[in-house]
């Protein structure tokens, strides 16, 4: 019985570790996407702004 409980605890710890790692990765990816989007919008604005020379 205690072995089963210990196994469940290890399994839960493993699942939580994976969830935390996935969340951290998503945070990095979303930050990168936001930066890329902002950069793309800036480039689009630059490309569509009229030439004044």
N, C-alpha and C. Protein backbone atom coordinates (compact mmCIF):
# COMPACT_ATOMS: atom_id res chain seq x y z
N UNK A 1 0.83 -1.20 0.00
CA UNK A 1 0.00 0.00 0.00
C UNK A 1 0.86 1.26 0.00
N UNK A 2 1.87 1.31 0.84
CA UNK A 2 2.73 2.49 0.88
C UNK A 2 3.56 2.61 -0.40
N UNK A 3 3.87 1.45 -1.00
CA UNK A 3 4.62 1.47 -2.26
C UNK A 3 3.76 2.12 -3.35
N UNK A 4 2.48 1.78 -3.38
CA UNK A 4 1.57 2.35 -4.36
C UNK A 4 1.45 3.87 -4.16
N UNK A 5 1.37 4.29 -2.90
CA UNK A 5 1.27 5.71 -2.58
C UNK A 5 2.55 6.43 -3.01
N UNK A 6 3.69 5.80 -2.76
CA UNK A 6 4.97 6.38 -3.15
C UNK A 6 5.06 6.50 -4.68
N UNK A 7 4.57 5.46 -5.36
CA UNK A 7 4.56 5.48 -6.83
C UNK A 7 3.67 6.61 -7.34
N UNK A 8 2.51 6.78 -6.72
CA UNK A 8 1.60 7.86 -7.12
C UNK A 8 2.26 9.23 -6.91
N UNK A 9 2.96 9.36 -5.79
CA UNK A 9 3.64 10.62 -5.48
C UNK A 9 4.71 10.93 -6.53
N UNK A 10 5.49 9.90 -6.88
CA UNK A 10 6.53 10.08 -7.90
C UNK A 10 5.91 10.44 -9.24
N UNK A 11 4.83 9.78 -9.57
CA UNK A 11 4.14 10.04 -10.83
C UNK A 11 3.61 11.47 -10.87
N UNK A 12 3.05 11.91 -9.75
CA UNK A 12 2.53 13.27 -9.66
C UNK A 12 3.66 14.28 -9.77
N UNK A 13 4.76 14.03 -9.08
CA UNK A 13 5.93 14.92 -9.15
C UNK A 13 6.43 15.03 -10.58
N UNK A 14 6.48 13.90 -11.25
CA UNK A 14 6.94 13.88 -12.64
C UNK A 14 6.00 14.68 -13.53
N UNK A 15 4.71 14.50 -13.33
CA UNK A 15 3.72 15.24 -14.12
C UNK A 15 3.82 16.74 -13.87
N UNK A 16 3.99 17.12 -12.61
CA UNK A 16 4.12 18.54 -12.28
C UNK A 16 5.39 19.13 -12.89
N UNK A 17 6.47 18.37 -12.84
CA UNK A 17 7.73 18.83 -13.43
C UNK A 17 7.56 19.06 -14.92
N UNK A 18 6.90 18.11 -15.59
CA UNK A 18 6.66 18.27 -17.03
C UNK A 18 5.77 19.48 -17.30
N UNK A 19 4.75 19.68 -16.48
CA UNK A 19 3.84 20.82 -16.67
C UNK A 19 4.58 22.14 -16.49
N UNK A 20 5.44 22.20 -15.48
CA UNK A 20 6.22 23.42 -15.23
C UNK A 20 7.16 23.70 -16.40
N UNK A 21 7.82 22.66 -16.87
CA UNK A 21 8.74 22.83 -18.00
C UNK A 21 7.98 23.29 -19.25
N UNK A 22 6.81 22.72 -19.47
CA UNK A 22 6.00 23.11 -20.63
C UNK A 22 5.56 24.56 -20.51
N UNK A 23 5.17 24.97 -19.30
CA UNK A 23 4.74 26.36 -19.08
C UNK A 23 5.89 27.33 -19.32
N UNK A 24 7.07 26.97 -18.83
CA UNK A 24 8.24 27.84 -19.05
C UNK A 24 8.56 27.95 -20.53
N UNK A 25 8.47 26.83 -21.23
CA UNK A 25 8.74 26.83 -22.66
C UNK A 25 7.72 27.69 -23.40
N UNK A 26 6.45 27.58 -23.02
CA UNK A 26 5.41 28.38 -23.65
C UNK A 26 5.64 29.86 -23.40
N UNK A 27 6.12 30.19 -22.20
CA UNK A 27 6.41 31.59 -21.88
C UNK A 27 7.50 32.12 -22.81
N UNK A 28 8.54 31.32 -23.02
CA UNK A 28 9.62 31.73 -23.93
C UNK A 28 9.10 31.89 -25.35
N UNK A 29 8.32 30.90 -25.79
CA UNK A 29 7.80 30.93 -27.16
C UNK A 29 6.88 32.12 -27.36
N UNK A 30 5.99 32.38 -26.41
CA UNK A 30 5.05 33.49 -26.56
C UNK A 30 5.79 34.83 -26.54
N UNK A 31 6.85 34.93 -25.72
CA UNK A 31 7.65 36.15 -25.69
C UNK A 31 8.32 36.36 -27.05
N UNK A 32 8.86 35.27 -27.59
CA UNK A 32 9.52 35.35 -28.90
C UNK A 32 8.51 35.73 -29.99
N UNK A 33 7.31 35.15 -29.92
CA UNK A 33 6.28 35.45 -30.91
C UNK A 33 5.85 36.91 -30.82
N UNK A 34 5.69 37.41 -29.59
CA UNK A 34 5.30 38.81 -29.40
C UNK A 34 6.38 39.74 -29.95
N UNK A 35 7.63 39.41 -29.69
CA UNK A 35 8.74 40.21 -30.20
C UNK A 35 8.76 40.18 -31.73
N UNK A 36 8.56 39.00 -32.28
CA UNK A 36 8.55 38.84 -33.73
C UNK A 36 7.40 39.62 -34.36
N UNK A 37 6.23 39.55 -33.72
CA UNK A 37 5.06 40.27 -34.22
C UNK A 37 5.29 41.77 -34.17
N UNK A 38 5.82 42.26 -33.05
CA UNK A 38 6.10 43.69 -32.91
C UNK A 38 7.12 44.13 -33.97
N UNK A 39 8.12 43.31 -34.18
CA UNK A 39 9.14 43.61 -35.18
C UNK A 39 8.52 43.63 -36.58
N UNK A 40 7.66 42.67 -36.84
CA UNK A 40 6.98 42.60 -38.13
C UNK A 40 6.07 43.80 -38.37
N UNK A 41 5.37 44.24 -37.33
CA UNK A 41 4.51 45.40 -37.46
C UNK A 41 5.33 46.65 -37.73
N UNK A 42 6.47 46.75 -37.06
CA UNK A 42 7.36 47.89 -37.27
C UNK A 42 7.85 47.89 -38.71
N UNK A 43 8.24 46.74 -39.22
CA UNK A 43 8.71 46.62 -40.60
C UNK A 43 7.61 46.97 -41.58
N UNK A 44 6.40 46.51 -41.30
CA UNK A 44 5.27 46.80 -42.18
C UNK A 44 5.00 48.30 -42.21
N UNK A 45 5.06 48.93 -41.06
CA UNK A 45 4.85 50.38 -40.98
C UNK A 45 5.93 51.10 -41.80
N UNK A 46 7.15 50.64 -41.66
CA UNK A 46 8.27 51.24 -42.40
C UNK A 46 8.07 51.08 -43.90
N UNK A 47 7.63 49.90 -44.31
CA UNK A 47 7.47 49.63 -45.74
C UNK A 47 6.29 50.38 -46.35
N UNK A 48 5.26 50.66 -45.55
CA UNK A 48 4.06 51.31 -46.08
C UNK A 48 4.07 52.81 -45.86
N UNK A 49 5.04 53.33 -45.13
CA UNK A 49 5.10 54.78 -44.94
C UNK A 49 5.55 55.43 -46.24
N UNK A 50 4.96 56.57 -46.57
CA UNK A 50 5.30 57.21 -47.85
C UNK A 50 6.72 57.77 -47.86
N UNK A 51 7.31 57.78 -49.01
CA UNK A 51 8.63 58.37 -49.16
C UNK A 51 8.47 59.88 -49.25
N UNK A 52 9.30 60.61 -48.55
CA UNK A 52 9.17 62.06 -48.53
C UNK A 52 10.38 62.76 -49.13
N UNK A 53 11.19 62.02 -49.86
CA UNK A 53 12.36 62.68 -50.45
C UNK A 53 12.22 62.83 -51.95
